[in-house]
């Protein structure tokens, strides 16, 4: 039987600064440089709810955020 592995997809709500031809300039993105963007959708607050939001692996580690530090790999 074949094992199926799922790759989680991240979601970032960003601020659109500028559109020039086919280039979008954004702020507040939470991805590593070179990460592919799969889809872009407008943010519509009336359609967005926080009910049932899950944060995956972070759920077990969120308590560490205040004392955790960057190890320098992404600077």
PDB file of N, CA and C in Angstrom:
ATOM      1  N   UNK A   1       0.829  -1.175   0.000  1.00  0.00           N
ATOM      2  CA  UNK A   1       0.000   0.000   0.000  1.00  0.00           C
ATOM      3  C   UNK A   1       0.883   1.251   0.000  1.00  0.00           C
ATOM      4  N   UNK A   2       0.535   2.242  -0.820  1.00  0.00           N
ATOM      5  CA  UNK A   2       1.322   3.453  -0.938  1.00  0.00           C
ATOM      6  C   UNK A   2       1.016   4.406   0.218  1.00  0.00           C
ATOM      7  N   UNK A   3       2.082   4.940   0.822  1.00  0.00           N
ATOM      8  CA  UNK A   3       1.909   5.913   1.895  1.00  0.00           C
ATOM      9  C   UNK A   3       1.720   7.294   1.272  1.00  0.00           C
ATOM     10  N   UNK A   4       0.725   8.007   1.730  1.00  0.00           N
ATOM     11  CA  UNK A   4       0.461   9.347   1.227  1.00  0.00           C
ATOM     12  C   UNK A   4       0.988  10.350   2.239  1.00  0.00           C
ATOM     13  N   UNK A   5       1.826  11.273   1.778  1.00  0.00           N
ATOM     14  CA  UNK A   5       2.366  12.326   2.640  1.00  0.00           C
ATOM     15  C   UNK A   5       1.788  13.649   2.190  1.00  0.00           C
ATOM     16  N   UNK A   6       1.393  14.455   3.140  1.00  0.00           N
ATOM     17  CA  UNK A   6       0.842  15.765   2.840  1.00  0.00           C
ATOM     18  C   UNK A   6       1.847  16.840   3.218  1.00  0.00           C
ATOM     19  N   UNK A   7       1.993  17.813   2.365  1.00  0.00           N
ATOM     20  CA  UNK A   7       2.845  18.953   2.650  1.00  0.00           C
ATOM     21  C   UNK A   7       1.943  20.120   3.038  1.00  0.00           C
ATOM     22  N   UNK A   8       2.109  20.641   4.247  1.00  0.00           N
ATOM     23  CA  UNK A   8       1.264  21.765   4.650  1.00  0.00           C
ATOM     24  C   UNK A   8       1.578  23.009   3.815  1.00  0.00           C
ATOM     25  N   UNK A   9       0.568  23.793   3.563  1.00  0.00           N
ATOM     26  CA  UNK A   9       0.735  25.030   2.814  1.00  0.00           C
ATOM     27  C   UNK A   9       0.554  26.181   3.789  1.00  0.00           C
ATOM     28  N   UNK A  10       1.486  27.128   3.760  1.00  0.00           N
ATOM     29  CA  UNK A  10       1.406  28.289   4.635  1.00  0.00           C
ATOM     30  C   UNK A  10       0.474  29.345   4.080  1.00  0.00           C
ATOM     31  N   UNK A  11       0.044  30.226   4.938  1.00  0.00           N
ATOM     32  CA  UNK A  11      -0.842  31.317   4.557  1.00  0.00           C
ATOM     33  C   UNK A  11      -0.337  32.581   5.222  1.00  0.00           C
ATOM     34  N   UNK A  12      -0.145  33.622   4.444  1.00  0.00           N
ATOM     35  CA  UNK A  12       0.265  34.918   4.981  1.00  0.00           C
ATOM     36  C   UNK A  12      -0.700  35.984   4.503  1.00  0.00           C
ATOM     37  N   UNK A  13      -1.129  36.828   5.416  1.00  0.00           N
ATOM     38  CA  UNK A  13      -1.901  38.005   5.043  1.00  0.00           C
ATOM     39  C   UNK A  13      -0.870  39.126   4.935  1.00  0.00           C
ATOM     40  N   UNK A  14      -0.747  39.712   3.757  1.00  0.00           N
ATOM     41  CA  UNK A  14       0.290  40.713   3.499  1.00  0.00           C
ATOM     42  C   UNK A  14      -0.325  42.041   3.087  1.00  0.00           C
ATOM     43  N   UNK A  15       0.477  43.080   3.146  1.00  0.00           N
ATOM     44  CA  UNK A  15       0.058  44.405   2.678  1.00  0.00           C
ATOM     45  C   UNK A  15       0.623  44.609   1.282  1.00  0.00           C
ATOM     46  N   UNK A  16      -0.251  44.913   0.333  1.00  0.00           N
ATOM     47  CA  UNK A  16       0.162  45.191  -1.040  1.00  0.00           C
ATOM     48  C   UNK A  16       0.592  46.646  -1.119  1.00  0.00           C
ATOM     49  N   UNK A  17       1.828  46.879  -1.495  1.00  0.00           N
ATOM     50  CA  UNK A  17       2.392  48.219  -1.559  1.00  0.00           C
ATOM     51  C   UNK A  17       2.291  48.801  -2.966  1.00  0.00           C
ATOM     52  N   UNK A  18       2.634  47.978  -3.974  1.00  0.00           N
ATOM     53  CA  UNK A  18       2.688  48.499  -5.334  1.00  0.00           C
ATOM     54  C   UNK A  18       2.546  47.358  -6.332  1.00  0.00           C
ATOM     55  N   UNK A  19       1.930  47.645  -7.482  1.00  0.00           N
ATOM     56  CA  UNK A  19       1.852  46.700  -8.589  1.00  0.00           C
ATOM     57  C   UNK A  19       2.495  47.386  -9.791  1.00  0.00           C
ATOM     58  N   UNK A  20       3.503  46.742 -10.359  1.00  0.00           N
ATOM     59  CA  UNK A  20       4.178  47.277 -11.537  1.00  0.00           C
ATOM     60  C   UNK A  20       4.343  46.144 -12.543  1.00  0.00           C
ATOM     61  N   UNK A  21       3.585  46.225 -13.646  1.00  0.00           N
ATOM     62  CA  UNK A  21       3.505  45.147 -14.643  1.00  0.00           C
ATOM     63  C   UNK A  21       3.078  43.866 -13.932  1.00  0.00           C
ATOM     64  N   UNK A  22       3.918  42.844 -13.918  1.00  0.00           N
ATOM     65  CA  UNK A  22       3.544  41.589 -13.253  1.00  0.00           C
ATOM     66  C   UNK A  22       4.291  41.386 -11.934  1.00  0.00           C
ATOM     67  N   UNK A  23       4.745  42.475 -11.329  1.00  0.00           N
ATOM     68  CA  UNK A  23       5.497  42.388 -10.071  1.00  0.00           C
ATOM     69  C   UNK A  23       4.696  43.057  -8.959  1.00  0.00           C
ATOM     70  N   UNK A  24       4.488  42.301  -7.876  1.00  0.00           N
ATOM     71  CA  UNK A  24       3.789  42.821  -6.704  1.00  0.00           C
ATOM     72  C   UNK A  24       4.818  43.121  -5.623  1.00  0.00           C
ATOM     73  N   UNK A  25       4.751  44.316  -5.053  1.00  0.00           N
ATOM     74  CA  UNK A  25       5.599  44.645  -3.915  1.00  0.00           C
ATOM     75  C   UNK A  25       4.729  44.539  -2.676  1.00  0.00           C
ATOM     76  N   UNK A  26       5.169  43.704  -1.720  1.00  0.00           N
ATOM     77  CA  UNK A  26       4.371  43.438  -0.528  1.00  0.00           C
ATOM     78  C   UNK A  26       5.196  43.639   0.732  1.00  0.00           C
ATOM     79  N   UNK A  27       4.486  43.789   1.856  1.00  0.00           N
ATOM     80  CA  UNK A  27       5.114  43.862   3.176  1.00  0.00           C
ATOM     81  C   UNK A  27       4.465  42.834   4.083  1.00  0.00           C
ATOM     82  N   UNK A  28       5.163  42.504   5.158  1.00  0.00           N
ATOM     83  CA  UNK A  28       4.660  41.618   6.219  1.00  0.00           C
ATOM     84  C   UNK A  28       4.524  40.168   5.787  1.00  0.00           C
ATOM     85  N   UNK A  29       5.288  39.741   4.805  1.00  0.00           N
ATOM     86  CA  UNK A  29       5.221  38.351   4.377  1.00  0.00           C
ATOM     87  C   UNK A  29       6.046  37.487   5.328  1.00  0.00           C
ATOM     88  N   UNK A  30       5.573  36.292   5.598  1.00  0.00           N
ATOM     89  CA  UNK A  30       6.251  35.392   6.531  1.00  0.00           C
ATOM     90  C   UNK A  30       6.702  34.123   5.809  1.00  0.00           C
ATOM     91  N   UNK A  31       7.564  34.299   4.812  1.00  0.00           N
ATOM     92  CA  UNK A  31       8.112  33.152   4.086  1.00  0.00           C
ATOM     93  C   UNK A  31       9.612  33.335   3.923  1.00  0.00           C
ATOM     94  N   UNK A  32      10.302  32.265   3.643  1.00  0.00           N
ATOM     95  CA  UNK A  32      11.737  32.302   3.394  1.00  0.00           C
ATOM     96  C   UNK A  32      11.961  32.651   1.934  1.00  0.00           C
ATOM     97  N   UNK A  33      12.978  33.448   1.650  1.00  0.00           N
ATOM     98  CA  UNK A  33      13.303  33.850   0.288  1.00  0.00           C
ATOM     99  C   UNK A  33      13.398  32.620  -0.611  1.00  0.00           C
ATOM    100  N   UNK A  34      12.734  32.682  -1.755  1.00  0.00           N
ATOM    101  CA  UNK A  34      12.745  31.573  -2.701  1.00  0.00           C
ATOM    102  C   UNK A  34      11.557  30.638  -2.564  1.00  0.00           C
ATOM    103  N   UNK A  35      10.727  30.841  -1.538  1.00  0.00           N
ATOM    104  CA  UNK A  35       9.535  30.014  -1.363  1.00  0.00           C
ATOM    105  C   UNK A  35       8.547  30.307  -2.485  1.00  0.00           C
ATOM    106  N   UNK A  36       8.031  29.283  -3.157  1.00  0.00           N
ATOM    107  CA  UNK A  36       7.067  29.544  -4.239  1.00  0.00           C
ATOM    108  C   UNK A  36       5.735  30.064  -3.690  1.00  0.00           C
ATOM    109  N   UNK A  37       5.121  30.968  -4.438  1.00  0.00           N
ATOM    110  CA  UNK A  37       3.794  31.478  -4.100  1.00  0.00           C
ATOM    111  C   UNK A  37       2.803  30.724  -4.966  1.00  0.00           C
ATOM    112  N   UNK A  38       1.854  30.048  -4.351  1.00  0.00           N
ATOM    113  CA  UNK A  38       0.910  29.222  -5.083  1.00  0.00           C
ATOM    114  C   UNK A  38      -0.327  29.967  -5.545  1.00  0.00           C
ATOM    115  N   UNK A  39      -0.748  30.946  -4.769  1.00  0.00           N
ATOM    116  CA  UNK A  39      -1.996  31.622  -5.095  1.00  0.00           C
ATOM    117  C   UNK A  39      -2.025  32.971  -4.392  1.00  0.00           C
ATOM    118  N   UNK A  40      -2.711  33.921  -4.992  1.00  0.00           N
ATOM    119  CA  UNK A  40      -2.883  35.242  -4.391  1.00  0.00           C
ATOM    120  C   UNK A  40      -4.365  35.565  -4.429  1.00  0.00           C
ATOM    121  N   UNK A  41      -4.885  35.926  -3.276  1.00  0.00           N
ATOM    122  CA  UNK A  41      -6.306  36.272  -3.188  1.00  0.00           C
ATOM    123  C   UNK A  41      -6.434  37.577  -2.419  1.00  0.00           C
ATOM    124  N   UNK A  42      -7.493  38.343  -2.702  1.00  0.00           N
ATOM    125  CA  UNK A  42      -7.708  39.562  -1.912  1.00  0.00           C
ATOM    126  C   UNK A  42      -8.175  39.205  -0.508  1.00  0.00           C
ATOM    127  N   UNK A  43      -7.842  40.052   0.437  1.00  0.00           N
ATOM    128  CA  UNK A  43      -8.308  39.877   1.808  1.00  0.00           C
ATOM    129  C   UNK A  43      -9.657  40.565   1.944  1.00  0.00           C
ATOM    130  N   UNK A  44     -10.665  39.818   2.307  1.00  0.00           N
ATOM    131  CA  UNK A  44     -12.011  40.354   2.477  1.00  0.00           C
ATOM    132  C   UNK A  44     -12.448  40.021   3.908  1.00  0.00           C
ATOM    133  N   UNK A  45     -12.364  40.992   4.827  1.00  0.00           N
ATOM    134  CA  UNK A  45     -12.671  40.709   6.234  1.00  0.00           C
ATOM    135  C   UNK A  45     -14.038  40.072   6.448  1.00  0.00           C
ATOM    136  N   UNK A  46     -15.020  40.443   5.650  1.00  0.00           N
ATOM    137  CA  UNK A  46     -16.358  39.882   5.817  1.00  0.00           C
ATOM    138  C   UNK A  46     -16.403  38.381   5.545  1.00  0.00           C
ATOM    139  N   UNK A  47     -15.451  37.867   4.788  1.00  0.00           N
ATOM    140  CA  UNK A  47     -15.424  36.448   4.443  1.00  0.00           C
ATOM    141  C   UNK A  47     -14.461  35.652   5.317  1.00  0.00           C
ATOM    142  N   UNK A  48     -13.691  36.319   6.135  1.00  0.00           N
ATOM    143  CA  UNK A  48     -12.656  35.667   6.919  1.00  0.00           C
ATOM    144  C   UNK A  48     -13.106  35.522   8.368  1.00  0.00           C
ATOM    145  N   UNK A  49     -13.033  34.301   8.874  1.00  0.00           N
ATOM    146  CA  UNK A  49     -13.359  34.068  10.281  1.00  0.00           C
ATOM    147  C   UNK A  49     -12.181  33.385  10.948  1.00  0.00           C
ATOM    148  N   UNK A  50     -12.093  33.493  12.233  1.00  0.00           N
ATOM    149  CA  UNK A  50     -11.032  32.833  12.984  1.00  0.00           C
ATOM    150  C   UNK A  50     -11.519  31.554  13.651  1.00  0.00           C
ATOM    151  N   UNK A  51     -12.762  31.167  13.406  1.00  0.00           N
ATOM    152  CA  UNK A  51     -13.298  29.954  14.012  1.00  0.00           C
ATOM    153  C   UNK A  51     -12.571  28.728  13.479  1.00  0.00           C
ATOM    154  N   UNK A  52     -12.137  27.876  14.361  1.00  0.00           N
ATOM    155  CA  UNK A  52     -11.525  26.624  13.950  1.00  0.00           C
ATOM    156  C   UNK A  52     -10.123  26.750  13.389  1.00  0.00           C
ATOM    157  N   UNK A  53      -9.459  27.891  13.609  1.00  0.00           N
ATOM    158  CA  UNK A  53      -8.099  28.065  13.102  1.00  0.00           C
ATOM    159  C   UNK A  53      -7.178  27.118  13.854  1.00  0.00           C
ATOM    160  N   UNK A  54      -6.325  26.418  13.109  1.00  0.00           N
ATOM    161  CA  UNK A  54      -5.362  25.504  13.705  1.00  0.00           C
ATOM    162  C   UNK A  54      -3.962  25.977  13.342  1.00  0.00           C
ATOM    163  N   UNK A  55      -3.032  25.852  14.274  1.00  0.00           N
ATOM    164  CA  UNK A  55      -1.674  26.312  13.996  1.00  0.00           C
ATOM    165  C   UNK A  55      -0.663  25.166  13.964  1.00  0.00           C
ATOM    166  N   UNK A  56      -1.156  23.948  13.821  1.00  0.00           N
ATOM    167  CA  UNK A  56      -0.284  22.790  13.598  1.00  0.00           C
ATOM    168  C   UNK A  56       0.777  22.608  14.662  1.00  0.00           C
ATOM    169  N   UNK A  57       2.028  22.392  14.211  1.00  0.00           N
ATOM    170  CA  UNK A  57       3.146  22.120  15.113  1.00  0.00           C
ATOM    171  C   UNK A  57       3.385  23.260  16.101  1.00  0.00           C
ATOM    172  N   UNK A  58       2.989  24.481  15.747  1.00  0.00           N
ATOM    173  CA  UNK A  58       3.216  25.614  16.635  1.00  0.00           C
ATOM    174  C   UNK A  58       2.390  25.504  17.915  1.00  0.00           C
ATOM    175  N   UNK A  59       1.267  24.815  17.833  1.00  0.00           N
ATOM    176  CA  UNK A  59       0.406  24.629  19.009  1.00  0.00           C
ATOM    177  C   UNK A  59       1.202  24.064  20.191  1.00  0.00           C
ATOM    178  N   UNK A  60       2.083  23.103  19.911  1.00  0.00           N
ATOM    179  CA  UNK A  60       2.882  22.474  20.968  1.00  0.00           C
ATOM    180  C   UNK A  60       4.052  23.352  21.411  1.00  0.00           C
ATOM    181  N   UNK A  61       4.388  24.387  20.627  1.00  0.00           N
ATOM    182  CA  UNK A  61       5.583  25.180  20.896  1.00  0.00           C
ATOM    183  C   UNK A  61       5.336  26.662  21.112  1.00  0.00           C
ATOM    184  N   UNK A  62       4.085  27.087  21.051  1.00  0.00           N
ATOM    185  CA  UNK A  62       3.779  28.513  21.141  1.00  0.00           C
ATOM    186  C   UNK A  62       4.267  29.126  22.452  1.00  0.00           C
ATOM    187  N   UNK A  63       4.311  28.354  23.509  1.00  0.00           N
ATOM    188  CA  UNK A  63       4.790  28.860  24.800  1.00  0.00           C
ATOM    189  C   UNK A  63       6.271  29.235  24.764  1.00  0.00           C
ATOM    190  N   UNK A  64       7.018  28.743  23.777  1.00  0.00           N
ATOM    191  CA  UNK A  64       8.452  29.030  23.665  1.00  0.00           C
ATOM    192  C   UNK A  64       8.747  30.345  22.952  1.00  0.00           C
ATOM    193  N   UNK A  65       7.749  30.949  22.324  1.00  0.00           N
ATOM    194  CA  UNK A  65       7.995  32.107  21.475  1.00  0.00           C
ATOM    195  C   UNK A  65       8.653  33.274  22.196  1.00  0.00           C
ATOM    196  N   UNK A  66       8.283  33.546  23.422  1.00  0.00           N
ATOM    197  CA  UNK A  66       8.847  34.688  24.141  1.00  0.00           C
ATOM    198  C   UNK A  66      10.332  34.521  24.443  1.00  0.00           C
ATOM    199  N   UNK A  67      10.799  33.281  24.614  1.00  0.00           N
ATOM    200  CA  UNK A  67      12.209  33.088  24.942  1.00  0.00           C
ATOM    201  C   UNK A  67      13.035  32.558  23.771  1.00  0.00           C
ATOM    202  N   UNK A  68      12.403  32.236  22.646  1.00  0.00           N
ATOM    203  CA  UNK A  68      13.131  31.700  21.494  1.00  0.00           C
ATOM    204  C   UNK A  68      13.849  32.808  20.735  1.00  0.00           C
ATOM    205  N   UNK A  69      14.986  32.467  20.161  1.00  0.00           N
ATOM    206  CA  UNK A  69      15.759  33.425  19.368  1.00  0.00           C
ATOM    207  C   UNK A  69      16.118  32.798  18.037  1.00  0.00           C
ATOM    208  N   UNK A  70      16.288  33.636  17.036  1.00  0.00           N
ATOM    209  CA  UNK A  70      16.715  33.243  15.693  1.00  0.00           C
ATOM    210  C   UNK A  70      18.145  32.691  15.772  1.00  0.00           C
ATOM    211  N   UNK A  71      18.414  31.631  15.042  1.00  0.00           N
ATOM    212  CA  UNK A  71      19.766  31.059  15.071  1.00  0.00           C
ATOM    213  C   UNK A  71      20.673  31.661  13.987  1.00  0.00           C
ATOM    214  N   UNK A  72      20.172  32.660  13.246  1.00  0.00           N
ATOM    215  CA  UNK A  72      21.007  33.372  12.276  1.00  0.00           C
ATOM    216  C   UNK A  72      20.973  32.825  10.862  1.00  0.00           C
ATOM    217  N   UNK A  73      20.314  31.686  10.627  1.00  0.00           N
ATOM    218  CA  UNK A  73      20.317  31.100   9.286  1.00  0.00           C
ATOM    219  C   UNK A  73      19.610  31.954   8.262  1.00  0.00           C
ATOM    220  N   UNK A  74      18.665  32.787   8.662  1.00  0.00           N
ATOM    221  CA  UNK A  74      17.825  33.496   7.696  1.00  0.00           C
ATOM    222  C   UNK A  74      18.096  35.006   7.660  1.00  0.00           C
ATOM    223  N   UNK A  75      19.232  35.432   8.156  1.00  0.00           N
ATOM    224  CA  UNK A  75      19.514  36.874   8.127  1.00  0.00           C
ATOM    225  C   UNK A  75      20.517  37.216   7.054  1.00  0.00           C
TER     226      UNK A  75
END
